[in-house]
Amino acid sequence: MFSSVLLVLVCILVHYEALRIVSSQLPGPSWIGLRGRMLAVVAACFLAHTIEVWIFAVAYYFLSDHFALGSIAGERQIDFPDLVYFSAVTYSTIGFGDLYPIGGARLLAGVEAVIGLLLIGWSASFTYLVMERFWPLHAIRKKRLAADGKEPVPPRLWHRLPD
């Protein structure tokens, strides 16, 4: 239970920091452009999810090899790349079933599926909010570039927060 709670907190912090950093950089230099900013948002979300999958893979490794509290089993001997694969399949809630948790790893796998679902939803929501702000700027950008040759400044990302 302790390791599950700790991993959830670590993953939430990783995700929060990734989204905070990318959102603070969104206005950025004008040479990046709107498409570059959206690419940065998606890349930051993907990087955060990748880090979180690896965090759980390391947890499965220590859980089985160092603490003997549970393991991941399958048709053959499981090595670390298999743990990363199992973690990715569990985090994304695909659950192919070719690898399966035993013992204490069962709880951890269930928690990973729930936190993965939550954080994927958080990324989707964040990406939507960013896209909602930048999508209309494509038309504004064309008009302003035609008029004065200057790049428009994007509006505040979080429109409901005070200045």
N, C-alpha and C. Protein backbone atom coordinates (compact mmCIF):
# COMPACT_ATOMS: atom_id res chain seq x y z
N MET A 1 0.82 -1.20 0.00
CA MET A 1 0.00 0.00 0.00
C MET A 1 0.87 1.27 0.00
N PHE A 2 1.90 1.25 0.83
CA PHE A 2 2.77 2.42 0.92
C PHE A 2 3.40 2.73 -0.43
N SER A 3 3.91 1.70 -1.11
CA SER A 3 4.55 1.94 -2.40
C SER A 3 3.54 2.44 -3.43
N SER A 4 2.30 1.97 -3.37
CA SER A 4 1.27 2.45 -4.30
C SER A 4 0.99 3.93 -4.09
N VAL A 5 0.82 4.33 -2.85
CA VAL A 5 0.56 5.73 -2.55
C VAL A 5 1.74 6.60 -2.96
N LEU A 6 2.94 6.15 -2.67
CA LEU A 6 4.15 6.89 -3.03
C LEU A 6 4.26 7.05 -4.55
N LEU A 7 4.01 5.98 -5.29
CA LEU A 7 4.10 6.04 -6.75
C LEU A 7 3.04 6.96 -7.34
N VAL A 8 1.84 6.94 -6.79
CA VAL A 8 0.78 7.84 -7.26
C VAL A 8 1.20 9.29 -7.05
N LEU A 9 1.72 9.60 -5.87
CA LEU A 9 2.15 10.97 -5.58
C LEU A 9 3.29 11.40 -6.50
N VAL A 10 4.26 10.53 -6.71
CA VAL A 10 5.39 10.85 -7.58
C VAL A 10 4.90 11.09 -9.01
N CYS A 11 4.02 10.24 -9.51
CA CYS A 11 3.52 10.40 -10.88
C CYS A 11 2.70 11.68 -11.03
N ILE A 12 1.90 12.01 -10.04
CA ILE A 12 1.13 13.25 -10.10
C ILE A 12 2.07 14.45 -10.12
N LEU A 13 3.11 14.41 -9.30
CA LEU A 13 4.08 15.52 -9.29
C LEU A 13 4.83 15.63 -10.62
N VAL A 14 5.24 14.50 -11.18
CA VAL A 14 5.92 14.51 -12.48
C VAL A 14 5.00 15.13 -13.53
N HIS A 15 3.75 14.70 -13.54
CA HIS A 15 2.81 15.19 -14.54
C HIS A 15 2.52 16.68 -14.34
N TYR A 16 2.31 17.07 -13.10
CA TYR A 16 2.05 18.47 -12.80
C TYR A 16 3.21 19.35 -13.26
N GLU A 17 4.42 18.94 -12.93
CA GLU A 17 5.59 19.74 -13.30
C GLU A 17 5.77 19.81 -14.82
N ALA A 18 5.54 18.71 -15.51
CA ALA A 18 5.67 18.71 -16.97
C ALA A 18 4.68 19.69 -17.59
N LEU A 19 3.43 19.65 -17.14
CA LEU A 19 2.42 20.54 -17.69
C LEU A 19 2.65 21.98 -17.26
N ARG A 20 3.13 22.18 -16.05
CA ARG A 20 3.43 23.54 -15.58
C ARG A 20 4.57 24.16 -16.39
N ILE A 21 5.60 23.39 -16.62
CA ILE A 21 6.75 23.91 -17.37
C ILE A 21 6.35 24.24 -18.80
N VAL A 22 5.63 23.33 -19.45
CA VAL A 22 5.25 23.60 -20.84
C VAL A 22 4.28 24.77 -20.92
N SER A 23 3.37 24.91 -19.97
CA SER A 23 2.43 26.03 -20.02
C SER A 23 3.12 27.36 -19.76
N SER A 24 4.17 27.36 -18.94
CA SER A 24 4.90 28.61 -18.69
C SER A 24 5.71 29.04 -19.91
N GLN A 25 6.04 28.08 -20.78
CA GLN A 25 6.82 28.38 -21.97
C GLN A 25 5.97 28.61 -23.22
N LEU A 26 4.66 28.47 -23.11
CA LEU A 26 3.80 28.56 -24.30
C LEU A 26 3.85 29.89 -25.02
N PRO A 27 3.85 31.04 -24.34
CA PRO A 27 3.96 32.26 -25.13
C PRO A 27 5.24 32.26 -25.96
N GLY A 28 6.35 31.92 -25.34
CA GLY A 28 7.63 31.70 -26.01
C GLY A 28 7.97 32.65 -27.14
N PRO A 29 9.08 32.38 -27.79
CA PRO A 29 9.50 33.23 -28.91
C PRO A 29 8.59 33.03 -30.13
N SER A 30 8.46 34.07 -30.92
CA SER A 30 7.53 34.03 -32.05
C SER A 30 8.00 33.06 -33.15
N TRP A 31 9.29 32.75 -33.21
CA TRP A 31 9.77 31.87 -34.28
C TRP A 31 9.29 30.43 -34.11
N ILE A 32 8.82 30.08 -32.91
CA ILE A 32 8.31 28.72 -32.69
C ILE A 32 7.02 28.50 -33.45
N GLY A 33 6.15 29.47 -33.46
CA GLY A 33 4.88 29.36 -34.18
C GLY A 33 3.85 28.57 -33.39
N LEU A 34 2.63 28.61 -33.88
CA LEU A 34 1.53 27.94 -33.20
C LEU A 34 1.65 26.42 -33.27
N ARG A 35 2.04 25.91 -34.41
CA ARG A 35 2.19 24.46 -34.55
C ARG A 35 3.32 23.94 -33.66
N GLY A 36 4.38 24.70 -33.55
CA GLY A 36 5.49 24.32 -32.68
C GLY A 36 5.08 24.30 -31.22
N ARG A 37 4.24 25.22 -30.84
CA ARG A 37 3.76 25.25 -29.46
C ARG A 37 2.88 24.05 -29.16
N MET A 38 2.00 23.71 -30.09
CA MET A 38 1.15 22.53 -29.90
C MET A 38 2.00 21.26 -29.87
N LEU A 39 3.00 21.22 -30.73
CA LEU A 39 3.91 20.08 -30.72
C LEU A 39 4.62 19.96 -29.38
N ALA A 40 5.00 21.09 -28.81
CA ALA A 40 5.65 21.08 -27.49
C ALA A 40 4.71 20.56 -26.41
N VAL A 41 3.44 20.92 -26.48
CA VAL A 41 2.46 20.44 -25.50
C VAL A 41 2.32 18.93 -25.60
N VAL A 42 2.14 18.43 -26.81
CA VAL A 42 1.96 16.98 -26.99
C VAL A 42 3.24 16.24 -26.60
N ALA A 43 4.39 16.78 -26.96
CA ALA A 43 5.67 16.14 -26.60
C ALA A 43 5.86 16.12 -25.09
N ALA A 44 5.50 17.20 -24.41
CA ALA A 44 5.63 17.25 -22.95
C ALA A 44 4.71 16.23 -22.29
N CYS A 45 3.49 16.11 -22.79
CA CYS A 45 2.57 15.10 -22.25
C CYS A 45 3.11 13.70 -22.48
N PHE A 46 3.60 13.44 -23.68
CA PHE A 46 4.14 12.12 -23.99
C PHE A 46 5.36 11.81 -23.12
N LEU A 47 6.23 12.79 -22.95
CA LEU A 47 7.42 12.60 -22.11
C LEU A 47 7.01 12.31 -20.67
N ALA A 48 6.03 13.04 -20.16
CA ALA A 48 5.57 12.80 -18.79
C ALA A 48 5.01 11.39 -18.65
N HIS A 49 4.21 10.95 -19.60
CA HIS A 49 3.66 9.59 -19.54
C HIS A 49 4.77 8.54 -19.62
N THR A 50 5.76 8.79 -20.46
CA THR A 50 6.88 7.85 -20.58
C THR A 50 7.64 7.73 -19.26
N ILE A 51 7.91 8.85 -18.63
CA ILE A 51 8.59 8.85 -17.34
C ILE A 51 7.77 8.09 -16.31
N GLU A 52 6.47 8.30 -16.30
CA GLU A 52 5.59 7.64 -15.33
C GLU A 52 5.55 6.12 -15.55
N VAL A 53 5.53 5.70 -16.81
CA VAL A 53 5.58 4.26 -17.12
C VAL A 53 6.89 3.67 -16.60
N TRP A 54 7.99 4.36 -16.81
CA TRP A 54 9.29 3.87 -16.34
C TRP A 54 9.36 3.85 -14.82
N ILE A 55 8.74 4.82 -14.17
CA ILE A 55 8.72 4.82 -12.70
C ILE A 55 8.05 3.55 -12.19
N PHE A 56 6.92 3.19 -12.77
CA PHE A 56 6.24 1.96 -12.36
C PHE A 56 7.05 0.72 -12.72
N ALA A 57 7.73 0.73 -13.87
CA ALA A 57 8.57 -0.41 -14.25
C ALA A 57 9.68 -0.62 -13.22
N VAL A 58 10.30 0.46 -12.79
CA VAL A 58 11.34 0.37 -11.76
C VAL A 58 10.74 -0.15 -10.46
N ALA A 59 9.54 0.29 -10.15
CA ALA A 59 8.86 -0.18 -8.93
C ALA A 59 8.60 -1.69 -9.01
N TYR A 60 8.16 -2.18 -10.17
CA TYR A 60 7.95 -3.63 -10.33
C TYR A 60 9.27 -4.38 -10.16
N TYR A 61 10.34 -3.80 -10.69
CA TYR A 61 11.66 -4.43 -10.58
C TYR A 61 12.06 -4.56 -9.11
N PHE A 62 11.97 -3.47 -8.36
CA PHE A 62 12.36 -3.51 -6.95
C PHE A 62 11.41 -4.36 -6.13
N LEU A 63 10.13 -4.31 -6.45
CA LEU A 63 9.14 -5.10 -5.73
C LEU A 63 9.46 -6.59 -5.84
N SER A 64 9.86 -7.03 -7.02
CA SER A 64 10.11 -8.46 -7.21
C SER A 64 11.54 -8.87 -6.87
N ASP A 65 12.53 -8.11 -7.33
CA ASP A 65 13.92 -8.53 -7.17
C ASP A 65 14.54 -8.18 -5.83
N HIS A 66 14.10 -7.12 -5.21
CA HIS A 66 14.74 -6.68 -3.96
C HIS A 66 13.89 -6.93 -2.71
N PHE A 67 12.57 -6.88 -2.87
CA PHE A 67 11.72 -7.02 -1.69
C PHE A 67 10.91 -8.31 -1.68
N ALA A 68 10.88 -9.02 -2.79
CA ALA A 68 10.14 -10.29 -2.91
C ALA A 68 8.69 -10.16 -2.44
N LEU A 69 8.04 -9.07 -2.84
CA LEU A 69 6.66 -8.82 -2.43
C LEU A 69 5.66 -9.11 -3.55
N GLY A 70 6.14 -9.45 -4.70
CA GLY A 70 5.28 -9.72 -5.84
C GLY A 70 6.14 -9.72 -7.09
N SER A 71 5.55 -10.15 -8.19
CA SER A 71 6.33 -10.19 -9.42
C SER A 71 5.40 -10.14 -10.62
N ILE A 72 6.01 -10.10 -11.77
CA ILE A 72 5.30 -10.15 -13.04
C ILE A 72 5.69 -11.48 -13.68
N ALA A 73 4.70 -12.22 -14.14
CA ALA A 73 4.95 -13.54 -14.72
C ALA A 73 4.41 -13.59 -16.15
N GLY A 74 4.90 -14.57 -16.87
CA GLY A 74 4.46 -14.78 -18.25
C GLY A 74 4.94 -16.14 -18.72
N GLU A 75 4.94 -16.35 -20.02
CA GLU A 75 5.34 -17.64 -20.57
C GLU A 75 6.84 -17.87 -20.55
N ARG A 76 7.62 -16.85 -20.34
CA ARG A 76 9.08 -16.99 -20.32
C ARG A 76 9.65 -16.15 -19.19
N GLN A 77 10.95 -16.20 -19.03
CA GLN A 77 11.64 -15.42 -18.02
C GLN A 77 11.44 -13.92 -18.28
N ILE A 78 11.09 -13.17 -17.25
CA ILE A 78 10.80 -11.75 -17.38
C ILE A 78 12.06 -10.94 -17.07
N ASP A 79 12.43 -10.02 -17.98
CA ASP A 79 13.55 -9.12 -17.73
C ASP A 79 13.03 -7.67 -17.70
N PHE A 80 13.93 -6.72 -17.53
CA PHE A 80 13.50 -5.34 -17.34
C PHE A 80 12.71 -4.77 -18.52
N PRO A 81 13.12 -4.99 -19.77
CA PRO A 81 12.28 -4.49 -20.88
C PRO A 81 10.84 -5.04 -20.84
N ASP A 82 10.68 -6.27 -20.35
CA ASP A 82 9.34 -6.82 -20.19
C ASP A 82 8.55 -6.06 -19.13
N LEU A 83 9.25 -5.61 -18.08
CA LEU A 83 8.59 -4.82 -17.04
C LEU A 83 8.14 -3.46 -17.58
N VAL A 84 8.97 -2.87 -18.45
CA VAL A 84 8.58 -1.60 -19.07
C VAL A 84 7.36 -1.82 -19.97
N TYR A 85 7.38 -2.91 -20.73
CA TYR A 85 6.25 -3.26 -21.59
C TYR A 85 4.99 -3.48 -20.75
N PHE A 86 5.11 -4.27 -19.67
CA PHE A 86 3.95 -4.53 -18.80
C PHE A 86 3.43 -3.23 -18.21
N SER A 87 4.34 -2.36 -17.79
CA SER A 87 3.94 -1.09 -17.21
C SER A 87 3.20 -0.23 -18.24
N ALA A 88 3.69 -0.18 -19.47
CA ALA A 88 3.03 0.62 -20.51
C ALA A 88 1.64 0.07 -20.83
N VAL A 89 1.54 -1.25 -20.90
CA VAL A 89 0.25 -1.88 -21.20
C VAL A 89 -0.73 -1.66 -20.04
N THR A 90 -0.24 -1.70 -18.84
CA THR A 90 -1.10 -1.49 -17.67
C THR A 90 -1.47 -0.01 -17.53
N TYR A 91 -0.50 0.87 -17.66
CA TYR A 91 -0.72 2.32 -17.54
C TYR A 91 -1.77 2.80 -18.54
N SER A 92 -1.70 2.29 -19.74
CA SER A 92 -2.63 2.70 -20.79
C SER A 92 -3.94 1.94 -20.73
N THR A 93 -4.08 1.03 -19.79
CA THR A 93 -5.25 0.18 -19.56
C THR A 93 -5.57 -0.71 -20.75
N ILE A 94 -4.56 -1.06 -21.56
CA ILE A 94 -4.77 -1.99 -22.66
C ILE A 94 -4.90 -3.41 -22.10
N GLY A 95 -3.93 -3.80 -21.28
CA GLY A 95 -3.98 -5.10 -20.62
C GLY A 95 -4.06 -6.28 -21.55
N PHE A 96 -3.03 -6.54 -22.32
CA PHE A 96 -3.03 -7.66 -23.26
C PHE A 96 -3.17 -9.01 -22.58
N GLY A 97 -2.60 -9.19 -21.40
CA GLY A 97 -2.73 -10.43 -20.67
C GLY A 97 -1.61 -11.42 -20.86
N ASP A 98 -0.63 -11.10 -21.71
CA ASP A 98 0.49 -12.02 -21.91
C ASP A 98 1.44 -12.01 -20.71
N LEU A 99 1.46 -10.92 -19.97
CA LEU A 99 2.18 -10.81 -18.70
C LEU A 99 1.14 -10.47 -17.64
N TYR A 100 1.35 -10.98 -16.44
CA TYR A 100 0.36 -10.75 -15.39
C TYR A 100 1.05 -10.63 -14.04
N PRO A 101 0.46 -9.82 -13.15
CA PRO A 101 1.07 -9.62 -11.83
C PRO A 101 0.73 -10.75 -10.87
N ILE A 102 1.65 -10.99 -9.94
CA ILE A 102 1.47 -12.00 -8.90
C ILE A 102 1.78 -11.34 -7.56
N GLY A 103 1.03 -11.69 -6.55
CA GLY A 103 1.28 -11.19 -5.20
C GLY A 103 0.99 -9.70 -5.08
N GLY A 104 1.90 -8.99 -4.41
CA GLY A 104 1.73 -7.56 -4.18
C GLY A 104 1.74 -6.73 -5.44
N ALA A 105 2.26 -7.28 -6.52
CA ALA A 105 2.27 -6.54 -7.79
C ALA A 105 0.86 -6.39 -8.35
N ARG A 106 -0.07 -7.21 -7.90
CA ARG A 106 -1.46 -7.09 -8.38
C ARG A 106 -2.06 -5.76 -7.96
N LEU A 107 -1.85 -5.38 -6.71
CA LEU A 107 -2.36 -4.10 -6.24
C LEU A 107 -1.70 -2.95 -6.99
N LEU A 108 -0.39 -3.06 -7.15
CA LEU A 108 0.35 -2.02 -7.85
C LEU A 108 -0.14 -1.88 -9.30
N ALA A 109 -0.42 -2.99 -9.97
CA ALA A 109 -0.91 -2.94 -11.35
C ALA A 109 -2.29 -2.28 -11.41
N GLY A 110 -3.14 -2.58 -10.46
CA GLY A 110 -4.45 -1.94 -10.43
C GLY A 110 -4.34 -0.45 -10.20
N VAL A 111 -3.48 -0.05 -9.30
CA VAL A 111 -3.26 1.37 -9.02
C VAL A 111 -2.66 2.05 -10.25
N GLU A 112 -1.74 1.38 -10.93
CA GLU A 112 -1.14 1.96 -12.12
C GLU A 112 -2.18 2.20 -13.21
N ALA A 113 -3.10 1.28 -13.38
CA ALA A 113 -4.16 1.46 -14.38
C ALA A 113 -5.03 2.67 -14.05
N VAL A 114 -5.36 2.82 -12.79
CA VAL A 114 -6.21 3.95 -12.38
C VAL A 114 -5.47 5.27 -12.55
N ILE A 115 -4.22 5.35 -12.10
CA ILE A 115 -3.48 6.61 -12.23
C ILE A 115 -3.17 6.90 -13.69
N GLY A 116 -2.91 5.86 -14.49
CA GLY A 116 -2.68 6.07 -15.91
C GLY A 116 -3.90 6.66 -16.59
N LEU A 117 -5.06 6.12 -16.27
CA LEU A 117 -6.31 6.63 -16.84
C LEU A 117 -6.52 8.09 -16.43
N LEU A 118 -6.28 8.39 -15.18
CA LEU A 118 -6.44 9.75 -14.68
C LEU A 118 -5.47 10.72 -15.37
N LEU A 119 -4.20 10.33 -15.47
CA LEU A 119 -3.20 11.24 -16.04
C LEU A 119 -3.35 11.38 -17.55
N ILE A 120 -3.79 10.34 -18.23
CA ILE A 120 -4.07 10.46 -19.67
C ILE A 120 -5.23 11.42 -19.88
N GLY A 121 -6.24 11.34 -19.03
CA GLY A 121 -7.34 12.29 -19.11
C GLY A 121 -6.90 13.71 -18.83
N TRP A 122 -6.00 13.87 -17.86
CA TRP A 122 -5.45 15.19 -17.54
C TRP A 122 -4.72 15.76 -18.75
N SER A 123 -3.92 14.94 -19.41
CA SER A 123 -3.20 15.39 -20.61
C SER A 123 -4.16 15.77 -21.72
N ALA A 124 -5.20 14.98 -21.91
CA ALA A 124 -6.18 15.29 -22.95
C ALA A 124 -6.88 16.61 -22.66
N SER A 125 -7.24 16.82 -21.41
CA SER A 125 -7.90 18.07 -21.01
C SER A 125 -6.97 19.26 -21.20
N PHE A 126 -5.73 19.12 -20.79
CA PHE A 126 -4.75 20.20 -20.93
C PHE A 126 -4.53 20.52 -22.41
N THR A 127 -4.37 19.49 -23.23
CA THR A 127 -4.16 19.69 -24.66
C THR A 127 -5.36 20.39 -25.28
N TYR A 128 -6.56 20.01 -24.87
CA TYR A 128 -7.76 20.67 -25.37
C TYR A 128 -7.77 22.16 -25.01
N LEU A 129 -7.44 22.48 -23.76
CA LEU A 129 -7.43 23.88 -23.33
C LEU A 129 -6.42 24.70 -24.13
N VAL A 130 -5.26 24.13 -24.37
CA VAL A 130 -4.24 24.83 -25.15
C VAL A 130 -4.72 25.01 -26.59
N MET A 131 -5.27 23.95 -27.15
CA MET A 131 -5.74 24.02 -28.53
C MET A 131 -6.90 25.02 -28.67
N GLU A 132 -7.76 25.06 -27.67
CA GLU A 132 -8.87 26.01 -27.67
C GLU A 132 -8.36 27.45 -27.75
N ARG A 133 -7.23 27.70 -27.09
CA ARG A 133 -6.64 29.04 -27.09
C ARG A 133 -5.90 29.34 -28.39
N PHE A 134 -5.20 28.36 -28.94
CA PHE A 134 -4.35 28.62 -30.10
C PHE A 134 -5.08 28.47 -31.44
N TRP A 135 -6.13 27.68 -31.49
CA TRP A 135 -6.80 27.42 -32.77
C TRP A 135 -7.28 28.71 -33.45
N PRO A 136 -7.96 29.61 -32.74
CA PRO A 136 -8.41 30.85 -33.40
C PRO A 136 -7.26 31.75 -33.83
N LEU A 137 -6.09 31.57 -33.26
CA LEU A 137 -4.96 32.44 -33.59
C LEU A 137 -4.44 32.20 -35.01
N HIS A 138 -4.75 31.05 -35.59
CA HIS A 138 -4.31 30.81 -36.97
C HIS A 138 -4.92 31.86 -37.90
N ALA A 139 -6.21 32.14 -37.73
CA ALA A 139 -6.87 33.14 -38.57
C ALA A 139 -6.37 34.55 -38.22
N ILE A 140 -6.23 34.83 -36.93
CA ILE A 140 -5.74 36.15 -36.50
C ILE A 140 -4.33 36.38 -37.02
N ARG A 141 -3.51 35.34 -36.95
CA ARG A 141 -2.12 35.44 -37.39
C ARG A 141 -2.04 35.79 -38.87
N LYS A 142 -2.86 35.15 -39.66
CA LYS A 142 -2.84 35.44 -41.10
C LYS A 142 -3.22 36.90 -41.36
N LYS A 143 -4.24 37.39 -40.65
CA LYS A 143 -4.67 38.77 -40.83
C LYS A 143 -3.60 39.75 -40.39
N ARG A 144 -2.99 39.52 -39.22
CA ARG A 144 -1.97 40.44 -38.70
C ARG A 144 -0.70 40.39 -39.53
N LEU A 145 -0.29 39.20 -39.94
CA LEU A 145 0.90 39.11 -40.78
C LEU A 145 0.69 39.84 -42.09
N ALA A 146 -0.50 39.75 -42.63
CA ALA A 146 -0.80 40.45 -43.87
C ALA A 146 -0.81 41.96 -43.64
N ALA A 147 -1.30 42.39 -42.44
CA ALA A 147 -1.43 43.82 -42.16
C ALA A 147 -0.10 44.47 -41.76
N ASP A 148 0.60 43.89 -40.78
CA ASP A 148 1.80 44.58 -40.28
C ASP A 148 3.04 43.70 -40.18
N GLY A 149 2.94 42.45 -40.48
CA GLY A 149 4.11 41.57 -40.47
C GLY A 149 4.55 41.13 -39.09
N LYS A 150 3.75 41.39 -38.04
CA LYS A 150 4.11 41.00 -36.68
C LYS A 150 3.33 39.76 -36.24
N GLU A 151 3.98 38.94 -35.44
CA GLU A 151 3.36 37.73 -34.88
C GLU A 151 2.42 38.13 -33.74
N PRO A 152 1.18 37.61 -33.70
CA PRO A 152 0.28 37.94 -32.59
C PRO A 152 0.72 37.29 -31.30
N VAL A 153 0.46 37.94 -30.19
CA VAL A 153 0.75 37.38 -28.88
C VAL A 153 -0.46 36.54 -28.46
N PRO A 154 -0.25 35.26 -28.06
CA PRO A 154 -1.40 34.45 -27.68
C PRO A 154 -2.07 35.00 -26.43
N PRO A 155 -3.39 34.85 -26.33
CA PRO A 155 -4.08 35.30 -25.11
C PRO A 155 -3.69 34.42 -23.93
N ARG A 156 -4.06 34.88 -22.75
CA ARG A 156 -3.76 34.08 -21.55
C ARG A 156 -4.31 32.69 -21.72
N LEU A 157 -3.51 31.69 -21.35
CA LEU A 157 -3.92 30.31 -21.49
C LEU A 157 -5.09 30.00 -20.57
N TRP A 158 -5.04 30.47 -19.37
CA TRP A 158 -6.11 30.17 -18.41
C TRP A 158 -6.97 31.43 -18.28
N HIS A 159 -7.97 31.55 -19.12
CA HIS A 159 -8.75 32.76 -19.23
C HIS A 159 -9.59 33.08 -18.00
N ARG A 160 -9.82 32.14 -17.14
CA ARG A 160 -10.66 32.39 -15.96
C ARG A 160 -9.84 32.86 -14.76
N LEU A 161 -8.54 32.79 -14.83
CA LEU A 161 -7.71 33.22 -13.72
C LEU A 161 -7.44 34.72 -13.81
N PRO A 162 -7.38 35.42 -12.68
CA PRO A 162 -7.10 36.85 -12.73
C PRO A 162 -5.66 37.10 -13.15
N ASP A 163 -5.40 38.29 -13.68
CA ASP A 163 -4.04 38.66 -14.11
C ASP A 163 -3.11 38.82 -12.94
